[in-house]
Amino acid sequence: MANIKSQVKRIKTNEKARIANASFKSSMRTSMKAVEAACKAGDKEKATDLLKVAYSKIDKSVSRGIQHKNTAARQKARLANLIASL
């Protein structure tokens, strides 16, 4: 553990941010899996509704700096292709 007061604070804030980012990333992955499950079941209407939620979370992860914009674009394209194949 650091002795410098500002560094101790930095460690605490970094840990809070890490937990928040991990939680958001988990919910984003869950929404993506929901789209995949709907596609696997063949329910195109449900999948398109869930796709809007997934897109929103993916875009928000980029704006928060949780993931890179190209990663987000690849994930969105993959989900769109899944739905288009129905």
PDB file of N, CA and C in Angstrom:
ATOM      1  N   MET A   1       0.839  -1.185   0.000  1.00  0.00           N
ATOM      2  CA  MET A   1       0.000   0.000   0.000  1.00  0.00           C
ATOM      3  C   MET A   1       0.884   1.249   0.000  1.00  0.00           C
ATOM      4  N   ALA A   2       0.435   2.249  -0.722  1.00  0.00           N
ATOM      5  CA  ALA A   2       1.214   3.482  -0.854  1.00  0.00           C
ATOM      6  C   ALA A   2       1.184   4.294   0.440  1.00  0.00           C
ATOM      7  N   ASN A   3       2.243   5.088   0.631  1.00  0.00           N
ATOM      8  CA  ASN A   3       2.332   5.971   1.797  1.00  0.00           C
ATOM      9  C   ASN A   3       1.818   7.373   1.480  1.00  0.00           C
ATOM     10  N   ILE A   4       1.857   7.745   0.224  1.00  0.00           N
ATOM     11  CA  ILE A   4       1.470   9.096  -0.186  1.00  0.00           C
ATOM     12  C   ILE A   4      -0.054   9.199  -0.213  1.00  0.00           C
ATOM     13  N   LYS A   5      -0.541  10.266   0.424  1.00  0.00           N
ATOM     14  CA  LYS A   5      -1.986  10.423   0.605  1.00  0.00           C
ATOM     15  C   LYS A   5      -2.742  10.463  -0.730  1.00  0.00           C
ATOM     16  N   SER A   6      -2.228  11.203  -1.689  1.00  0.00           N
ATOM     17  CA  SER A   6      -2.904  11.318  -2.985  1.00  0.00           C
ATOM     18  C   SER A   6      -2.905   9.990  -3.732  1.00  0.00           C
ATOM     19  N   GLN A   7      -1.844   9.217  -3.547  1.00  0.00           N
ATOM     20  CA  GLN A   7      -1.781   7.915  -4.217  1.00  0.00           C
ATOM     21  C   GLN A   7      -2.750   6.921  -3.587  1.00  0.00           C
ATOM     22  N   VAL A   8      -2.940   7.006  -2.286  1.00  0.00           N
ATOM     23  CA  VAL A   8      -3.912   6.152  -1.600  1.00  0.00           C
ATOM     24  C   VAL A   8      -5.305   6.441  -2.147  1.00  0.00           C
ATOM     25  N   LYS A   9      -5.608   7.735  -2.307  1.00  0.00           N
ATOM     26  CA  LYS A   9      -6.902   8.130  -2.861  1.00  0.00           C
ATOM     27  C   LYS A   9      -7.043   7.631  -4.294  1.00  0.00           C
ATOM     28  N   ARG A  10      -5.981   7.732  -5.079  1.00  0.00           N
ATOM     29  CA  ARG A  10      -5.994   7.292  -6.476  1.00  0.00           C
ATOM     30  C   ARG A  10      -6.290   5.795  -6.565  1.00  0.00           C
ATOM     31  N   ILE A  11      -5.687   5.019  -5.661  1.00  0.00           N
ATOM     32  CA  ILE A  11      -5.908   3.577  -5.632  1.00  0.00           C
ATOM     33  C   ILE A  11      -7.377   3.274  -5.355  1.00  0.00           C
ATOM     34  N   LYS A  12      -7.959   4.009  -4.402  1.00  0.00           N
ATOM     35  CA  LYS A  12      -9.368   3.799  -4.060  1.00  0.00           C
ATOM     36  C   LYS A  12     -10.285   4.152  -5.221  1.00  0.00           C
ATOM     37  N   THR A  13     -10.038   5.289  -5.874  1.00  0.00           N
ATOM     38  CA  THR A  13     -10.906   5.696  -6.985  1.00  0.00           C
ATOM     39  C   THR A  13     -10.751   4.763  -8.179  1.00  0.00           C
ATOM     40  N   ASN A  14      -9.523   4.294  -8.418  1.00  0.00           N
ATOM     41  CA  ASN A  14      -9.302   3.340  -9.513  1.00  0.00           C
ATOM     42  C   ASN A  14     -10.078   2.051  -9.278  1.00  0.00           C
ATOM     43  N   GLU A  15     -10.102   1.608  -8.042  1.00  0.00           N
ATOM     44  CA  GLU A  15     -10.821   0.372  -7.712  1.00  0.00           C
ATOM     45  C   GLU A  15     -12.323   0.543  -7.912  1.00  0.00           C
ATOM     46  N   LYS A  16     -12.855   1.699  -7.511  1.00  0.00           N
ATOM     47  CA  LYS A  16     -14.283   1.976  -7.715  1.00  0.00           C
ATOM     48  C   LYS A  16     -14.619   1.985  -9.199  1.00  0.00           C
ATOM     49  N   ALA A  17     -13.764   2.621  -9.991  1.00  0.00           N
ATOM     50  CA  ALA A  17     -13.989   2.695 -11.438  1.00  0.00           C
ATOM     51  C   ALA A  17     -13.901   1.310 -12.065  1.00  0.00           C
ATOM     52  N   ARG A  18     -12.938   0.504 -11.607  1.00  0.00           N
ATOM     53  CA  ARG A  18     -12.770  -0.849 -12.154  1.00  0.00           C
ATOM     54  C   ARG A  18     -14.013  -1.695 -11.910  1.00  0.00           C
ATOM     55  N   ILE A  19     -14.564  -1.589 -10.704  1.00  0.00           N
ATOM     56  CA  ILE A  19     -15.766  -2.356 -10.368  1.00  0.00           C
ATOM     57  C   ILE A  19     -16.963  -1.885 -11.186  1.00  0.00           C
ATOM     58  N   ALA A  20     -17.101  -0.567 -11.323  1.00  0.00           N
ATOM     59  CA  ALA A  20     -18.219  -0.017 -12.103  1.00  0.00           C
ATOM     60  C   ALA A  20     -18.112  -0.427 -13.567  1.00  0.00           C
ATOM     61  N   ASN A  21     -16.906  -0.368 -14.118  1.00  0.00           N
ATOM     62  CA  ASN A  21     -16.703  -0.749 -15.514  1.00  0.00           C
ATOM     63  C   ASN A  21     -16.975  -2.238 -15.727  1.00  0.00           C
ATOM     64  N   ALA A  22     -16.533  -3.059 -14.797  1.00  0.00           N
ATOM     65  CA  ALA A  22     -16.758  -4.502 -14.913  1.00  0.00           C
ATOM     66  C   ALA A  22     -18.243  -4.818 -14.857  1.00  0.00           C
ATOM     67  N   SER A  23     -18.964  -4.123 -13.989  1.00  0.00           N
ATOM     68  CA  SER A  23     -20.403  -4.329 -13.873  1.00  0.00           C
ATOM     69  C   SER A  23     -21.118  -3.936 -15.163  1.00  0.00           C
ATOM     70  N   PHE A  24     -20.732  -2.795 -15.717  1.00  0.00           N
ATOM     71  CA  PHE A  24     -21.370  -2.344 -16.955  1.00  0.00           C
ATOM     72  C   PHE A  24     -21.051  -3.291 -18.106  1.00  0.00           C
ATOM     73  N   LYS A  25     -19.795  -3.730 -18.175  1.00  0.00           N
ATOM     74  CA  LYS A  25     -19.388  -4.640 -19.241  1.00  0.00           C
ATOM     75  C   LYS A  25     -20.160  -5.951 -19.163  1.00  0.00           C
ATOM     76  N   SER A  26     -20.401  -6.413 -17.946  1.00  0.00           N
ATOM     77  CA  SER A  26     -21.163  -7.640 -17.737  1.00  0.00           C
ATOM     78  C   SER A  26     -22.605  -7.481 -18.219  1.00  0.00           C
ATOM     79  N   SER A  27     -23.229  -6.349 -17.896  1.00  0.00           N
ATOM     80  CA  SER A  27     -24.612  -6.132 -18.334  1.00  0.00           C
ATOM     81  C   SER A  27     -24.682  -5.990 -19.853  1.00  0.00           C
ATOM     82  N   MET A  28     -23.630  -5.412 -20.448  1.00  0.00           N
ATOM     83  CA  MET A  28     -23.578  -5.281 -21.902  1.00  0.00           C
ATOM     84  C   MET A  28     -23.498  -6.662 -22.551  1.00  0.00           C
ATOM     85  N   ARG A  29     -22.643  -7.517 -22.009  1.00  0.00           N
ATOM     86  CA  ARG A  29     -22.510  -8.880 -22.548  1.00  0.00           C
ATOM     87  C   ARG A  29     -23.807  -9.662 -22.387  1.00  0.00           C
ATOM     88  N   THR A  30     -24.494  -9.451 -21.273  1.00  0.00           N
ATOM     89  CA  THR A  30     -25.767 -10.135 -21.036  1.00  0.00           C
ATOM     90  C   THR A  30     -26.791  -9.720 -22.076  1.00  0.00           C
ATOM     91  N   SER A  31     -26.835  -8.427 -22.398  1.00  0.00           N
ATOM     92  CA  SER A  31     -27.794  -7.956 -23.406  1.00  0.00           C
ATOM     93  C   SER A  31     -27.451  -8.522 -24.785  1.00  0.00           C
ATOM     94  N   MET A  32     -26.160  -8.678 -25.066  1.00  0.00           N
ATOM     95  CA  MET A  32     -25.756  -9.274 -26.344  1.00  0.00           C
ATOM     96  C   MET A  32     -26.161 -10.747 -26.404  1.00  0.00           C
ATOM     97  N   LYS A  33     -26.002 -11.441 -25.284  1.00  0.00           N
ATOM     98  CA  LYS A  33     -26.379 -12.856 -25.238  1.00  0.00           C
ATOM     99  C   LYS A  33     -27.895 -13.034 -25.374  1.00  0.00           C
ATOM    100  N   ALA A  34     -28.653 -12.058 -24.890  1.00  0.00           N
ATOM    101  CA  ALA A  34     -30.110 -12.117 -25.020  1.00  0.00           C
ATOM    102  C   ALA A  34     -30.512 -12.025 -26.490  1.00  0.00           C
ATOM    103  N   VAL A  35     -29.819 -11.170 -27.245  1.00  0.00           N
ATOM    104  CA  VAL A  35     -30.084 -11.062 -28.687  1.00  0.00           C
ATOM    105  C   VAL A  35     -29.751 -12.383 -29.368  1.00  0.00           C
ATOM    106  N   GLU A  36     -28.612 -12.956 -29.010  1.00  0.00           N
ATOM    107  CA  GLU A  36     -28.208 -14.228 -29.605  1.00  0.00           C
ATOM    108  C   GLU A  36     -29.206 -15.337 -29.292  1.00  0.00           C
ATOM    109  N   ALA A  37     -29.714 -15.354 -28.071  1.00  0.00           N
ATOM    110  CA  ALA A  37     -30.686 -16.378 -27.677  1.00  0.00           C
ATOM    111  C   ALA A  37     -31.988 -16.226 -28.454  1.00  0.00           C
ATOM    112  N   ALA A  38     -32.427 -14.976 -28.645  1.00  0.00           N
ATOM    113  CA  ALA A  38     -33.650 -14.729 -29.400  1.00  0.00           C
ATOM    114  C   ALA A  38     -33.472 -15.152 -30.861  1.00  0.00           C
ATOM    115  N   CYS A  39     -32.288 -14.922 -31.400  1.00  0.00           N
ATOM    116  CA  CYS A  39     -32.008 -15.334 -32.776  1.00  0.00           C
ATOM    117  C   CYS A  39     -31.989 -16.858 -32.891  1.00  0.00           C
ATOM    118  N   LYS A  40     -31.413 -17.495 -31.888  1.00  0.00           N
ATOM    119  CA  LYS A  40     -31.347 -18.955 -31.897  1.00  0.00           C
ATOM    120  C   LYS A  40     -32.751 -19.561 -31.825  1.00  0.00           C
ATOM    121  N   ALA A  41     -33.639 -18.879 -31.086  1.00  0.00           N
ATOM    122  CA  ALA A  41     -35.020 -19.346 -30.965  1.00  0.00           C
ATOM    123  C   ALA A  41     -35.837 -19.013 -32.212  1.00  0.00           C
ATOM    124  N   GLY A  42     -35.309 -18.119 -33.059  1.00  0.00           N
ATOM    125  CA  GLY A  42     -35.997 -17.749 -34.287  1.00  0.00           C
ATOM    126  C   GLY A  42     -37.018 -16.645 -34.120  1.00  0.00           C
ATOM    127  N   ASP A  43     -36.968 -15.918 -33.032  1.00  0.00           N
ATOM    128  CA  ASP A  43     -37.917 -14.832 -32.759  1.00  0.00           C
ATOM    129  C   ASP A  43     -37.321 -13.509 -33.212  1.00  0.00           C
ATOM    130  N   LYS A  44     -37.621 -13.128 -34.454  1.00  0.00           N
ATOM    131  CA  LYS A  44     -37.009 -11.934 -35.043  1.00  0.00           C
ATOM    132  C   LYS A  44     -37.500 -10.648 -34.378  1.00  0.00           C
ATOM    133  N   GLU A  45     -38.789 -10.580 -34.030  1.00  0.00           N
ATOM    134  CA  GLU A  45     -39.325  -9.367 -33.402  1.00  0.00           C
ATOM    135  C   GLU A  45     -38.658  -9.099 -32.060  1.00  0.00           C
ATOM    136  N   LYS A  46     -38.556 -10.133 -31.249  1.00  0.00           N
ATOM    137  CA  LYS A  46     -37.936  -9.991 -29.930  1.00  0.00           C
ATOM    138  C   LYS A  46     -36.454  -9.633 -30.082  1.00  0.00           C
ATOM    139  N   ALA A  47     -35.814 -10.259 -31.056  1.00  0.00           N
ATOM    140  CA  ALA A  47     -34.389 -10.004 -31.283  1.00  0.00           C
ATOM    141  C   ALA A  47     -34.140  -8.555 -31.683  1.00  0.00           C
ATOM    142  N   THR A  48     -35.006  -7.999 -32.528  1.00  0.00           N
ATOM    143  CA  THR A  48     -34.812  -6.602 -32.945  1.00  0.00           C
ATOM    144  C   THR A  48     -35.049  -5.640 -31.790  1.00  0.00           C
ATOM    145  N   ASP A  49     -36.003  -5.965 -30.915  1.00  0.00           N
ATOM    146  CA  ASP A  49     -36.222  -5.133 -29.726  1.00  0.00           C
ATOM    147  C   ASP A  49     -35.005  -5.182 -28.797  1.00  0.00           C
ATOM    148  N   LEU A  50     -34.488  -6.381 -28.595  1.00  0.00           N
ATOM    149  CA  LEU A  50     -33.318  -6.533 -27.736  1.00  0.00           C
ATOM    150  C   LEU A  50     -32.070  -5.928 -28.368  1.00  0.00           C
ATOM    151  N   LEU A  51     -32.037  -5.879 -29.692  1.00  0.00           N
ATOM    152  CA  LEU A  51     -30.887  -5.306 -30.395  1.00  0.00           C
ATOM    153  C   LEU A  51     -30.739  -3.818 -30.077  1.00  0.00           C
ATOM    154  N   LYS A  52     -31.869  -3.110 -29.966  1.00  0.00           N
ATOM    155  CA  LYS A  52     -31.820  -1.678 -29.638  1.00  0.00           C
ATOM    156  C   LYS A  52     -31.169  -1.462 -28.275  1.00  0.00           C
ATOM    157  N   VAL A  53     -31.529  -2.301 -27.319  1.00  0.00           N
ATOM    158  CA  VAL A  53     -30.950  -2.200 -25.971  1.00  0.00           C
ATOM    159  C   VAL A  53     -29.457  -2.508 -26.025  1.00  0.00           C
ATOM    160  N   ALA A  54     -29.094  -3.552 -26.767  1.00  0.00           N
ATOM    161  CA  ALA A  54     -27.688  -3.941 -26.873  1.00  0.00           C
ATOM    162  C   ALA A  54     -26.872  -2.844 -27.553  1.00  0.00           C
ATOM    163  N   TYR A  55     -27.400  -2.262 -28.627  1.00  0.00           N
ATOM    164  CA  TYR A  55     -26.720  -1.170 -29.319  1.00  0.00           C
ATOM    165  C   TYR A  55     -26.470  -0.006 -28.370  1.00  0.00           C
ATOM    166  N   SER A  56     -27.479   0.319 -27.579  1.00  0.00           N
ATOM    167  CA  SER A  56     -27.369   1.426 -26.639  1.00  0.00           C
ATOM    168  C   SER A  56     -26.246   1.181 -25.635  1.00  0.00           C
ATOM    169  N   LYS A  57     -26.196  -0.031 -25.094  1.00  0.00           N
ATOM    170  CA  LYS A  57     -25.164  -0.355 -24.105  1.00  0.00           C
ATOM    171  C   LYS A  57     -23.776  -0.385 -24.732  1.00  0.00           C
ATOM    172  N   ILE A  58     -23.685  -0.894 -25.949  1.00  0.00           N
ATOM    173  CA  ILE A  58     -22.393  -0.938 -26.635  1.00  0.00           C
ATOM    174  C   ILE A  58     -21.893   0.480 -26.900  1.00  0.00           C
ATOM    175  N   ASP A  59     -22.773   1.344 -27.397  1.00  0.00           N
ATOM    176  CA  ASP A  59     -22.385   2.732 -27.663  1.00  0.00           C
ATOM    177  C   ASP A  59     -21.989   3.460 -26.380  1.00  0.00           C
ATOM    178  N   LYS A  60     -22.709   3.185 -25.313  1.00  0.00           N
ATOM    179  CA  LYS A  60     -22.404   3.824 -24.036  1.00  0.00           C
ATOM    180  C   LYS A  60     -21.045   3.356 -23.512  1.00  0.00           C
ATOM    181  N   SER A  61     -20.690   2.104 -23.767  1.00  0.00           N
ATOM    182  CA  SER A  61     -19.394   1.611 -23.307  1.00  0.00           C
ATOM    183  C   SER A  61     -18.249   2.332 -24.023  1.00  0.00           C
ATOM    184  N   VAL A  62     -18.472   2.695 -25.280  1.00  0.00           N
ATOM    185  CA  VAL A  62     -17.449   3.440 -26.025  1.00  0.00           C
ATOM    186  C   VAL A  62     -17.330   4.855 -25.468  1.00  0.00           C
ATOM    187  N   SER A  63     -18.466   5.498 -25.217  1.00  0.00           N
ATOM    188  CA  SER A  63     -18.425   6.875 -24.722  1.00  0.00           C
ATOM    189  C   SER A  63     -17.828   6.954 -23.319  1.00  0.00           C
ATOM    190  N   ARG A  64     -17.973   5.893 -22.535  1.00  0.00           N
ATOM    191  CA  ARG A  64     -17.387   5.861 -21.197  1.00  0.00           C
ATOM    192  C   ARG A  64     -15.918   5.441 -21.223  1.00  0.00           C
ATOM    193  N   GLY A  65     -15.446   4.982 -22.382  1.00  0.00           N
ATOM    194  CA  GLY A  65     -14.057   4.558 -22.496  1.00  0.00           C
ATOM    195  C   GLY A  65     -13.800   3.157 -22.002  1.00  0.00           C
ATOM    196  N   ILE A  66     -14.842   2.354 -21.924  1.00  0.00           N
ATOM    197  CA  ILE A  66     -14.696   0.978 -21.437  1.00  0.00           C
ATOM    198  C   ILE A  66     -14.132   0.074 -22.533  1.00  0.00           C
ATOM    199  N   GLN A  67     -14.551   0.334 -23.770  1.00  0.00           N
ATOM    200  CA  GLN A  67     -14.000  -0.455 -24.870  1.00  0.00           C
ATOM    201  C   GLN A  67     -13.750   0.436 -26.084  1.00  0.00           C
ATOM    202  N   HIS A  68     -12.952  -0.064 -27.010  1.00  0.00           N
ATOM    203  CA  HIS A  68     -12.549   0.679 -28.199  1.00  0.00           C
ATOM    204  C   HIS A  68     -13.694   0.737 -29.205  1.00  0.00           C
ATOM    205  N   LYS A  69     -13.730   1.799 -29.986  1.00  0.00           N
ATOM    206  CA  LYS A  69     -14.830   1.985 -30.939  1.00  0.00           C
ATOM    207  C   LYS A  69     -14.870   0.903 -32.013  1.00  0.00           C
ATOM    208  N   ASN A  70     -13.705   0.387 -32.407  1.00  0.00           N
ATOM    209  CA  ASN A  70     -13.692  -0.661 -33.428  1.00  0.00           C
ATOM    210  C   ASN A  70     -14.234  -1.980 -32.879  1.00  0.00           C
ATOM    211  N   THR A  71     -13.970  -2.246 -31.624  1.00  0.00           N
ATOM    212  CA  THR A  71     -14.516  -3.443 -30.970  1.00  0.00           C
ATOM    213  C   THR A  71     -16.031  -3.345 -30.932  1.00  0.00           C
ATOM    214  N   ALA A  72     -16.528  -2.167 -30.587  1.00  0.00           N
ATOM    215  CA  ALA A  72     -17.969  -1.947 -30.521  1.00  0.00           C
ATOM    216  C   ALA A  72     -18.601  -2.113 -31.906  1.00  0.00           C
ATOM    217  N   ALA A  73     -17.947  -1.572 -32.918  1.00  0.00           N
ATOM    218  CA  ALA A  73     -18.464  -1.672 -34.288  1.00  0.00           C
ATOM    219  C   ALA A  73     -18.537  -3.130 -34.721  1.00  0.00           C
ATOM    220  N   ARG A  74     -17.506  -3.904 -34.363  1.00  0.00           N
ATOM    221  CA  ARG A  74     -17.490  -5.330 -34.713  1.00  0.00           C
ATOM    222  C   ARG A  74     -18.617  -6.083 -34.013  1.00  0.00           C
ATOM    223  N   GLN A  75     -18.844  -5.777 -32.744  1.00  0.00           N
ATOM    224  CA  GLN A  75     -19.911  -6.440 -32.000  1.00  0.00           C
ATOM    225  C   GLN A  75     -21.278  -6.096 -32.579  1.00  0.00           C
ATOM    226  N   LYS A  76     -21.485  -4.832 -32.917  1.00  0.00           N
ATOM    227  CA  LYS A  76     -22.765  -4.400 -33.476  1.00  0.00           C
ATOM    228  C   LYS A  76     -23.014  -5.055 -34.830  1.00  0.00           C
ATOM    229  N   ALA A  77     -21.965  -5.136 -35.644  1.00  0.00           N
ATOM    230  CA  ALA A  77     -22.103  -5.760 -36.967  1.00  0.00           C
ATOM    231  C   ALA A  77     -22.429  -7.250 -36.837  1.00  0.00           C
ATOM    232  N   ARG A  78     -21.799  -7.905 -35.863  1.00  0.00           N
ATOM    233  CA  ARG A  78     -22.054  -9.329 -35.644  1.00  0.00           C
ATOM    234  C   ARG A  78     -23.502  -9.575 -35.255  1.00  0.00           C
ATOM    235  N   LEU A  79     -24.023  -8.738 -34.354  1.00  0.00           N
ATOM    236  CA  LEU A  79     -25.414  -8.886 -33.928  1.00  0.00           C
ATOM    237  C   LEU A  79     -26.373  -8.590 -35.083  1.00  0.00           C
ATOM    238  N   ALA A  80     -26.054  -7.566 -35.865  1.00  0.00           N
ATOM    239  CA  ALA A  80     -26.912  -7.214 -37.010  1.00  0.00           C
ATOM    240  C   ALA A  80     -26.946  -8.353 -38.030  1.00  0.00           C
ATOM    241  N   ASN A  81     -25.804  -8.994 -38.257  1.00  0.00           N
ATOM    242  CA  ASN A  81     -25.753 -10.121 -39.186  1.00  0.00           C
ATOM    243  C   ASN A  81     -26.546 -11.307 -38.690  1.00  0.00           C
ATOM    244  N   LEU A  82     -26.546 -11.519 -37.385  1.00  0.00           N
ATOM    245  CA  LEU A  82     -27.350 -12.597 -36.806  1.00  0.00           C
ATOM    246  C   LEU A  82     -28.828 -12.397 -37.107  1.00  0.00           C
ATOM    247  N   ILE A  83     -29.284 -11.168 -36.911  1.00  0.00           N
ATOM    248  CA  ILE A  83     -30.701 -10.865 -37.132  1.00  0.00           C
ATOM    249  C   ILE A  83     -31.039 -10.898 -38.618  1.00  0.00           C
ATOM    250  N   ALA A  84     -30.126 -10.426 -39.447  1.00  0.00           N
ATOM    251  CA  ALA A  84     -30.360 -10.424 -40.885  1.00  0.00           C
ATOM    252  C   ALA A  84     -30.454 -11.839 -41.434  1.00  0.00           C
ATOM    253  N   SER A  85     -29.801 -12.783 -40.777  1.00  0.00           N
ATOM    254  CA  SER A  85     -29.820 -14.162 -41.258  1.00  0.00           C
ATOM    255  C   SER A  85     -31.118 -14.888 -40.923  1.00  0.00           C
ATOM    256  N   LEU A  86     -31.972 -14.271 -40.087  1.00  0.00           N
ATOM    257  CA  LEU A  86     -33.252 -14.912 -39.736  1.00  0.00           C
ATOM    258  C   LEU A  86     -34.246 -14.842 -40.888  1.00  0.00           C
TER     259      LEU A  86
END
